[in-house]
Amino acid sequence: MKKGLVILVFLTMSLAGFAQQDVVSNNETELVETIKSEKPEVKEASISAKAKAKVLRMNHKKSNEIISIKAYRKSLQIKVKDVKLC
């Protein structure tokens, strides 16, 4: 068994050595043209103070609703646990 492994190692090493000897060099040069495309400038959108206040108010309202929903779910879980334990 050991002799078979030794022979196999020698064959693979010799094949690997021959595979590394062949060097292919590419002397051709390729010219690649790059085209620079101009991007149109985007103007910044200005929002009025009323619109900003409205958005902030709406976000605050949404966050309060989300918090209350989470609190409601937690209270339901506690009630369910109490019922299961009784």
Protein backbone atom coordinates (compact mmCIF):
# COMPACT_ATOMS: atom_id res chain seq x y z
CA MET A 1 0.00 0.00 0.00
CA LYS A 2 2.85 2.36 0.88
CA LYS A 3 4.60 1.62 -2.41
CA GLY A 4 1.44 2.49 -4.31
CA LEU A 5 1.15 5.81 -2.50
CA VAL A 6 4.82 6.61 -3.14
CA ILE A 7 4.41 5.89 -6.86
CA LEU A 8 1.26 7.99 -6.98
CA VAL A 9 3.04 10.91 -5.26
CA PHE A 10 5.97 10.76 -7.69
CA LEU A 11 3.64 10.71 -10.70
CA THR A 12 1.59 13.66 -9.49
CA MET A 13 4.66 15.68 -8.57
CA SER A 14 6.27 15.08 -11.95
CA LEU A 15 3.07 16.05 -13.76
CA ALA A 16 2.78 19.19 -11.63
CA GLY A 17 6.38 20.07 -12.48
CA PHE A 18 5.74 19.75 -16.22
CA ALA A 19 2.57 21.79 -15.97
CA GLN A 20 4.43 24.72 -14.46
CA GLN A 21 7.16 24.78 -17.11
CA ASP A 22 4.94 25.91 -19.97
CA VAL A 23 4.82 29.69 -19.88
CA VAL A 24 2.51 31.43 -22.29
CA SER A 25 3.25 35.10 -22.74
CA ASN A 26 0.78 37.47 -24.28
CA ASN A 27 2.59 40.31 -26.02
CA GLU A 28 -0.46 41.75 -27.72
CA THR A 29 -1.70 45.05 -26.42
CA GLU A 30 -5.31 46.03 -26.48
CA LEU A 31 -6.44 49.62 -26.55
CA VAL A 32 -9.52 50.32 -24.54
CA GLU A 33 -11.32 53.58 -25.10
CA THR A 34 -13.10 55.11 -22.18
CA ILE A 35 -15.99 57.42 -22.77
CA LYS A 36 -16.71 59.91 -20.04
CA SER A 37 -20.40 60.56 -19.77
CA GLU A 38 -21.55 63.79 -18.24
CA LYS A 39 -24.08 63.47 -15.47
CA PRO A 40 -26.69 66.19 -15.17
CA GLU A 41 -26.43 68.15 -11.96
CA VAL A 42 -29.30 67.62 -9.58
CA LYS A 43 -30.69 70.60 -7.75
CA GLU A 44 -31.32 70.25 -4.05
CA ALA A 45 -34.97 70.23 -3.11
CA SER A 46 -35.88 72.70 -0.40
CA ILE A 47 -38.73 71.84 1.95
CA SER A 48 -40.75 74.48 3.71
CA ALA A 49 -40.80 74.73 7.49
CA LYS A 50 -44.47 73.72 7.57
CA ALA A 51 -43.77 70.52 5.66
CA LYS A 52 -40.83 69.66 7.94
CA ALA A 53 -42.96 70.22 11.03
CA LYS A 54 -45.75 68.08 9.59
CA VAL A 55 -43.35 65.22 8.82
CA LEU A 56 -41.80 65.41 12.29
CA ARG A 57 -45.23 65.40 13.92
CA MET A 58 -46.30 62.41 11.82
CA ASN A 59 -43.12 60.48 12.67
CA HIS A 60 -43.58 61.21 16.37
CA LYS A 61 -47.17 60.00 16.16
CA LYS A 62 -46.09 56.80 14.37
CA SER A 63 -43.38 56.07 16.93
CA ASN A 64 -45.86 56.54 19.80
CA GLU A 65 -48.30 54.17 18.09
CA ILE A 66 -45.59 51.57 17.58
CA ILE A 67 -44.55 51.81 21.23
CA SER A 68 -48.14 51.42 22.38
CA ILE A 69 -48.61 48.38 20.11
CA LYS A 70 -45.49 46.77 21.58
CA ALA A 71 -46.71 47.50 25.11
CA TYR A 72 -50.12 46.01 24.27
CA ARG A 73 -48.53 42.84 22.91
CA LYS A 74 -46.40 42.50 26.04
CA SER A 75 -49.44 42.90 28.26
CA LEU A 76 -51.27 40.21 26.28
CA GLN A 77 -48.38 37.81 26.71
CA ILE A 78 -48.37 38.40 30.45
CA LYS A 79 -52.13 37.77 30.63
CA VAL A 80 -51.78 34.58 28.60
CA LYS A 81 -48.98 33.36 30.86
CA ASP A 82 -51.09 34.03 33.97
CA VAL A 83 -54.03 32.12 32.49
CA LYS A 84 -51.85 29.15 31.57
CA LEU A 85 -50.33 28.97 35.04
CA CYS A 86 -53.72 28.91 36.82
